[in-house]
Every structure is written in structure tokens, then in C-alpha cells.
Amino acid sequence: MRWCVSIGAVLVAGAMAGGDVASLAATGPKAQLAPNILAQSKQDPVVDVELVLAVDVSYSMDMEELAIQREGYAQAIISKEFLAALKSGPTGKIAVTYFEWAASNDQKVIIPWRVIDGPESADAVAAEIMKTPIRRASRTSISGAINFAMPLFDANELHGLRRVIDISGDGPNNNGGPVTIARDEAVGKGIVINGLPIMAKELSYSTMDIENLDLYYEDCVVGGAGSFVVPIKERDKFKEAIRTKLVMEVAGLMPEPRAIPVANTSREPRVNCLIGEKIWQDRWGR
């Protein structure tokens, strides 16, 4: 089951604001721990989750958005809500890597795998994120980002209870292979994909924006047990949305029942999963 999460409804119900994530994750009646997707492994977990942060830097993102996005991730990682979620897991540690992506052959690792186990290591990762110069690049390949992310899990020597790819972006796939093929391959490997569709500005012909990007992410991008989408529809909610998403991923929380369940993948997607490729072909013929 996949979910669409309302930021206002799910900042996980006010408990997050008080930093009471540990008790919510352990005993909260409204939230459930996501299943252990690597339960078949006999190896003891070293971290609670291996988390890949895959961040869109395509030209459709303006410089202000890119700056807010960077700040949002850095501030989320050092927030009291995130640190409380960190301590709610069995090991009290996560592993995270952060890369930026655009075209199918354009991915740049900003933060190699780092273990976060408390305020000091969280501060160090946040500082690494902020010190890297902001860049922009052409095209949007969500499939390329997923394909790049998958082998990153095998490249580290850590073992997590869960493996999660966190995709943020402001447009549909328009380069590389179909996004659904990449998604299905990742899910087949036991990886969960969550999404942060950015819909904070008016639609523009020049940037290949589409209506209902949140539905596109729900039906074409995210997948795996407990996967969810946190749409950003207002620029001033950007950082809050990033924090909400990271807290849920780290604590292994599924959305509360108030969240809207995303439709089963067995039915026809509500948005054409090749809409980005079609728009590109119609405009530029290649």
C-alpha cells in the first residue's frame, strides 16, 4: 500500500512538534512501524535505515528553490524531530547518502555514505550539504536517479532494517528509460521509494511542468511497502515538508489513517507515466 501524505495532517499529528517521536513510533495507536523488508537476512542490523536522498537540480528548479531545498535538508537533519526519530529505532543510527540529479547520465554525489547517530554527526552531515556550491543542469531523469541509487546500497558495508530512496523533483521523467521500469526493479529488490513532488509555482510551458505532479509521483514513481508522497504546494511549506518526510522515513512510520491511500498499482495510472517523454517529443522531436 502506498500513501499520499498531507503536510498539515501528518507532521505526524502534533507529536512531532513536541519531539515525542520515540513514544509515537513505539506505542502510538495511529502509526505503524513499516515492515522489515530485509527480514530474511540473518545479519544483525548495523543501522535502522539506509537512506538515499536523491535531489532534483534540473533547470526547471529556480535558484531560490534550489537554495531552499538545500537548506531544508540540512535543517531537517539537525532538527529535534529528526533526532528524536533517530533514537526511536532499534539501533538509534541511520546511514545516509545525498546526491543531485538531472539527465540520465548526470548524477553527482554530494555526501557519500555517512552514519548519523546523534547531534554531532547530524551537524557534520548538515554542514557538508550546505558547503557544496549549488548547480543546475538540463533534463529530468527520475529513472536515471533510481538506477543510480540502487547500486549505492551494495556499495556500502552497512546493513539496515530498511532501504529507502527519497526522490524530490518538480517535473516528470523526460529522459532515460521509463520511470516505471526503474521503480519496479527497485521495489523488486526490496527497496522503498518515497516522493517529494514540488508544485510550489505556477505551471510554465518553458519548464515542462504538468498538472497533478503529485498523482504522477503516486502512480509512477513511488513504490514498496509503506511508500508515500509528501507534495509541496506552497513555497513556505518547503522546509516543513522535507522535515516531515525525513522524520517518517527515519522512524519507519507509515502515514496515519487520515492520509489518503494511493491507488493499487494494478489499475491504470491516473496520469500517463510517459507524459514527460511525450511533452519533450512533441516540442523538440527528439
Protein backbone atom coordinates (compact mmCIF):
# COMPACT_ATOMS: atom_id res chain seq x y z
CA MET A 1 0.00 0.00 0.00
CA ARG A 2 1.25 3.46 -0.91
CA TRP A 3 0.05 6.73 0.55
CA CYS A 4 -0.28 10.40 -0.19
CA VAL A 5 0.52 12.47 2.87
CA SER A 6 -0.88 15.90 3.69
CA ILE A 7 1.79 18.01 5.39
CA GLY A 8 -0.74 19.69 7.67
CA ALA A 9 -2.37 16.40 8.64
CA VAL A 10 0.78 14.44 9.09
CA LEU A 11 3.52 16.46 10.76
CA VAL A 12 2.82 13.38 12.49
CA ALA A 13 -0.07 14.82 14.44
CA GLY A 14 1.48 17.41 16.65
CA ALA A 15 3.57 14.82 18.49
CA MET A 16 6.44 15.62 16.15
CA ALA A 17 6.41 19.27 17.18
CA GLY A 18 6.97 18.19 20.76
CA GLY A 19 9.74 15.83 19.80
CA ASP A 20 7.76 12.84 21.13
CA VAL A 21 8.59 10.67 18.15
CA ALA A 22 10.10 7.82 20.11
CA SER A 23 6.91 7.11 22.05
CA LEU A 24 4.80 7.59 18.93
CA ALA A 25 6.88 5.09 17.00
CA ALA A 26 6.87 2.59 19.84
CA THR A 27 3.29 2.75 21.08
CA GLY A 28 1.28 5.22 19.03
CA PRO A 29 -2.10 3.74 18.07
CA LYS A 30 -2.34 5.76 14.86
CA ALA A 31 1.05 4.97 13.39
CA GLN A 32 2.54 1.63 12.43
CA LEU A 33 6.13 0.57 12.03
CA ALA A 34 6.89 -0.17 8.41
CA PRO A 35 7.66 -3.85 7.75
CA ASN A 36 11.23 -5.10 7.91
CA ILE A 37 11.83 -5.56 4.20
CA LEU A 38 15.15 -7.27 4.84
CA ALA A 39 13.83 -9.70 7.44
CA GLN A 40 15.19 -12.66 5.53
CA SER A 41 18.77 -11.57 6.32
CA LYS A 42 20.43 -13.31 9.26
CA GLN A 43 22.86 -10.44 9.70
CA ASP A 44 22.20 -8.16 12.65
CA PRO A 45 21.34 -4.64 11.53
CA VAL A 46 24.04 -2.03 11.88
CA VAL A 47 21.63 0.85 11.19
CA ASP A 48 17.86 1.21 11.20
CA VAL A 49 17.62 2.52 7.64
CA GLU A 50 19.92 3.06 4.67
CA LEU A 51 18.55 6.26 3.17
CA VAL A 52 19.43 7.64 -0.26
CA LEU A 53 18.43 11.29 -0.75
CA ALA A 54 18.09 11.95 -4.49
CA VAL A 55 17.58 15.66 -5.19
CA ASP A 56 16.50 17.27 -8.47
CA VAL A 57 18.72 20.09 -9.78
CA SER A 58 17.22 20.42 -13.27
CA TYR A 59 16.84 23.86 -14.86
CA SER A 60 13.13 23.91 -14.05
CA MET A 61 14.16 24.48 -10.44
CA ASP A 62 14.96 28.14 -9.92
CA MET A 63 17.94 29.21 -7.79
CA GLU A 64 15.75 30.17 -4.84
CA GLU A 65 14.08 26.75 -4.86
CA LEU A 66 17.44 25.02 -5.02
CA ALA A 67 18.71 27.06 -2.07
CA ILE A 68 15.57 26.38 -0.02
CA GLN A 69 15.80 22.69 -0.89
CA ARG A 70 19.41 22.50 0.32
CA GLU A 71 18.60 24.40 3.49
CA GLY A 72 15.54 22.24 4.05
CA TYR A 73 17.52 19.01 4.07
CA ALA A 74 20.29 20.47 6.23
CA GLN A 75 17.87 21.92 8.78
CA ALA A 76 15.75 18.76 8.84
CA ILE A 77 18.74 16.59 9.72
CA ILE A 78 19.61 18.68 12.78
CA SER A 79 16.01 19.27 13.89
CA LYS A 80 14.79 17.99 17.25
CA GLU A 81 12.08 15.99 15.46
CA PHE A 82 14.64 14.18 13.32
CA LEU A 83 16.95 13.47 16.25
CA ALA A 84 14.02 12.11 18.29
CA ALA A 85 13.02 9.86 15.37
CA LEU A 86 16.62 8.68 15.14
CA LYS A 87 16.53 7.43 18.72
CA SER A 88 13.19 5.64 18.23
CA GLY A 89 14.76 2.81 16.22
CA PRO A 90 16.40 -0.39 17.49
CA THR A 91 19.95 0.82 16.79
CA GLY A 92 19.45 4.58 17.08
CA LYS A 93 21.50 5.06 13.91
CA ILE A 94 20.89 5.56 10.20
CA ALA A 95 23.12 5.68 7.15
CA VAL A 96 22.52 8.44 4.60
CA THR A 97 23.93 9.48 1.25
CA TYR A 98 22.87 12.57 -0.73
CA PHE A 99 23.17 13.06 -4.47
CA GLU A 100 21.85 15.54 -7.03
CA TRP A 101 20.47 14.50 -10.39
CA ALA A 102 19.24 15.87 -13.71
CA ALA A 103 19.68 13.94 -17.00
CA SER A 104 20.02 10.15 -17.15
CA ASN A 105 23.83 10.39 -17.12
CA ASP A 106 24.05 13.33 -14.70
CA GLN A 107 24.20 12.38 -11.04
CA LYS A 108 26.64 13.87 -8.54
CA VAL A 109 27.19 12.50 -5.04
CA ILE A 110 27.32 15.41 -2.60
CA ILE A 111 27.53 13.36 0.60
CA PRO A 112 28.96 9.81 0.45
CA TRP A 113 27.55 7.32 2.94
CA ARG A 114 27.59 8.74 6.44
CA VAL A 115 26.29 7.26 9.69
CA ILE A 116 24.16 9.61 11.78
CA ASP A 117 23.84 8.55 15.42
CA GLY A 118 23.25 11.83 17.23
CA PRO A 119 23.56 15.63 17.17
CA GLU A 120 27.28 15.73 16.41
CA SER A 121 27.16 13.50 13.33
CA ALA A 122 23.91 15.19 12.21
CA ASP A 123 25.61 18.60 12.41
CA ALA A 124 28.54 17.31 10.36
CA VAL A 125 26.28 15.98 7.57
CA ALA A 126 24.21 19.18 7.51
CA ALA A 127 27.41 21.23 7.19
CA GLU A 128 28.57 19.05 4.28
CA ILE A 129 25.28 19.61 2.47
CA MET A 130 25.46 23.38 2.87
CA LYS A 131 29.09 23.89 1.84
CA THR A 132 28.73 22.41 -1.66
CA PRO A 133 28.05 25.04 -4.38
CA ILE A 134 24.57 24.94 -5.88
CA ARG A 135 24.40 23.80 -9.50
CA ARG A 136 21.75 23.36 -12.20
CA ALA A 137 21.68 21.01 -15.18
CA SER A 138 19.47 20.04 -18.12
CA ARG A 139 16.77 17.38 -18.44
CA THR A 140 14.87 15.40 -15.83
CA SER A 141 15.53 11.69 -15.46
CA ILE A 142 13.84 10.20 -12.42
CA SER A 143 14.56 6.77 -13.85
CA GLY A 144 18.24 7.70 -14.08
CA ALA A 145 18.18 8.78 -10.43
CA ILE A 146 16.60 5.49 -9.32
CA ASN A 147 19.02 3.45 -11.42
CA PHE A 148 21.94 5.38 -9.96
CA ALA A 149 20.63 4.96 -6.42
CA MET A 150 20.10 1.19 -6.45
CA PRO A 151 23.77 0.08 -6.53
CA LEU A 152 24.66 2.62 -3.83
CA PHE A 153 23.15 0.26 -1.25
CA ASP A 154 25.52 -2.53 -2.23
CA ALA A 155 28.48 -0.15 -2.31
CA ASN A 156 28.40 0.43 1.43
CA GLU A 157 29.28 -2.15 4.07
CA LEU A 158 26.31 -1.35 6.26
CA HIS A 159 23.21 -3.42 6.84
CA GLY A 160 19.92 -1.69 7.55
CA LEU A 161 16.49 -2.90 8.53
CA ARG A 162 15.15 -0.87 5.60
CA ARG A 163 16.46 0.53 2.33
CA VAL A 164 14.81 3.74 1.13
CA ILE A 165 15.27 6.02 -1.89
CA ASP A 166 13.88 9.51 -1.30
CA ILE A 167 13.17 11.30 -4.62
CA SER A 168 12.42 15.03 -4.78
CA GLY A 169 11.64 16.80 -8.05
CA ASP A 170 9.42 19.32 -9.79
CA GLY A 171 8.60 17.56 -13.06
CA PRO A 172 8.02 14.23 -14.76
CA ASN A 173 10.64 11.96 -16.25
CA ASN A 174 11.64 13.18 -19.75
CA ASN A 175 14.99 11.47 -20.29
CA GLY A 176 16.39 7.97 -19.95
CA GLY A 177 14.30 4.81 -19.58
CA PRO A 178 10.67 4.74 -18.42
CA VAL A 179 10.38 5.58 -14.75
CA THR A 180 8.04 2.66 -14.03
CA ILE A 181 10.66 0.13 -15.15
CA ALA A 182 13.26 1.62 -12.79
CA ARG A 183 10.71 1.81 -9.97
CA ASP A 184 9.64 -1.80 -10.39
CA GLU A 185 13.24 -3.01 -10.42
CA ALA A 186 13.99 -1.16 -7.18
CA VAL A 187 10.85 -2.42 -5.47
CA GLY A 188 11.72 -5.94 -6.63
CA LYS A 189 14.99 -5.60 -4.71
CA GLY A 190 13.11 -4.75 -1.52
CA ILE A 191 13.79 -1.02 -1.77
CA VAL A 192 11.11 1.52 -0.84
CA ILE A 193 10.81 4.71 -2.93
CA ASN A 194 9.18 7.80 -1.39
CA GLY A 195 8.49 11.05 -3.20
CA LEU A 196 8.52 14.81 -2.66
CA PRO A 197 6.83 16.35 -5.73
CA ILE A 198 7.49 20.10 -5.79
CA MET A 199 4.44 22.04 -7.02
CA ALA A 200 5.12 25.43 -5.46
CA LYS A 201 4.91 27.66 -8.55
CA GLU A 202 2.55 28.32 -11.43
CA LEU A 203 2.67 25.94 -14.36
CA SER A 204 5.03 27.06 -17.09
CA TYR A 205 5.30 25.86 -20.69
CA SER A 206 9.03 26.54 -20.71
CA THR A 207 9.79 24.27 -17.76
CA MET A 208 7.73 21.22 -18.79
CA ASP A 209 5.55 21.43 -15.70
CA ILE A 210 2.50 19.21 -15.54
CA GLU A 211 -0.72 19.35 -13.59
CA ASN A 212 -1.19 16.73 -10.89
CA LEU A 213 2.51 16.05 -10.39
CA ASP A 214 1.55 14.54 -7.03
CA LEU A 215 -0.62 11.95 -8.78
CA TYR A 216 2.21 11.25 -11.22
CA TYR A 217 4.54 10.57 -8.31
CA GLU A 218 1.94 8.41 -6.59
CA ASP A 219 1.18 6.25 -9.63
CA CYS A 220 4.50 6.24 -11.50
CA VAL A 221 7.40 6.97 -9.13
CA VAL A 222 6.95 5.71 -5.57
CA GLY A 223 6.63 2.09 -4.58
CA GLY A 224 7.26 -0.55 -1.94
CA ALA A 225 5.66 -1.34 1.40
CA GLY A 226 4.55 1.80 3.21
CA SER A 227 5.79 4.17 0.50
CA PHE A 228 4.34 7.67 0.49
CA VAL A 229 4.27 11.05 -1.24
CA VAL A 230 4.53 14.44 0.50
CA PRO A 231 3.55 17.14 -2.04
CA ILE A 232 4.84 20.70 -1.67
CA LYS A 233 2.23 23.15 -2.97
CA GLU A 234 3.38 26.28 -1.15
CA ARG A 235 6.94 27.60 -1.15
CA ASP A 236 6.82 28.50 2.53
CA LYS A 237 6.00 24.84 3.35
CA PHE A 238 9.11 23.55 1.60
CA LYS A 239 11.30 23.02 4.66
CA GLU A 240 8.43 21.69 6.75
CA ALA A 241 7.64 19.09 4.09
CA ILE A 242 11.24 17.89 3.91
CA ARG A 243 11.36 17.55 7.70
CA THR A 244 8.06 15.65 7.76
CA LYS A 245 9.26 13.22 5.11
CA LEU A 246 12.66 12.56 6.70
CA VAL A 247 11.16 12.03 10.16
CA MET A 248 8.70 9.48 8.81
CA GLU A 249 11.44 7.66 6.90
CA VAL A 250 13.84 7.54 9.83
CA ALA A 251 11.20 6.47 12.37
CA GLY A 252 9.85 3.87 9.93
CA LEU A 253 6.37 5.33 10.25
CA MET A 254 3.50 4.73 7.89
CA PRO A 255 1.03 7.61 7.48
CA GLU A 256 -1.89 7.85 9.85
CA PRO A 257 -5.30 6.62 8.67
CA ARG A 258 -6.27 10.21 7.83
CA ALA A 259 -3.82 10.04 4.92
CA ILE A 260 -5.28 9.09 1.56
CA PRO A 261 -4.28 5.61 0.35
CA VAL A 262 -2.74 5.70 -3.08
CA ALA A 263 -4.44 3.52 -5.65
CA ASN A 264 -3.27 -0.04 -6.24
CA THR A 265 -0.70 -0.34 -9.00
CA SER A 266 -2.83 -2.98 -10.73
CA ARG A 267 -5.15 -0.31 -12.11
CA GLU A 268 -4.43 2.23 -14.84
CA PRO A 269 -2.36 5.23 -13.61
CA ARG A 270 -4.32 8.47 -13.28
CA VAL A 271 -1.51 10.34 -15.07
CA ASN A 272 0.28 8.96 -18.13
CA CYS A 273 3.62 7.67 -16.82
CA LEU A 274 5.23 8.67 -20.14
CA ILE A 275 3.81 12.20 -20.13
CA GLY A 276 7.22 13.84 -19.72
CA GLU A 277 8.71 11.92 -22.64
CA LYS A 278 5.64 12.77 -24.75
CA ILE A 279 5.87 16.50 -24.00
CA TRP A 280 9.57 16.53 -24.87
CA GLN A 281 8.96 14.67 -28.13
CA ASP A 282 6.08 16.96 -29.10
CA ARG A 283 8.13 20.12 -28.51
CA TRP A 284 11.58 19.14 -29.70
CA GLY A 285 11.06 15.93 -31.68
CA ARG A 286 13.88 14.03 -30.02
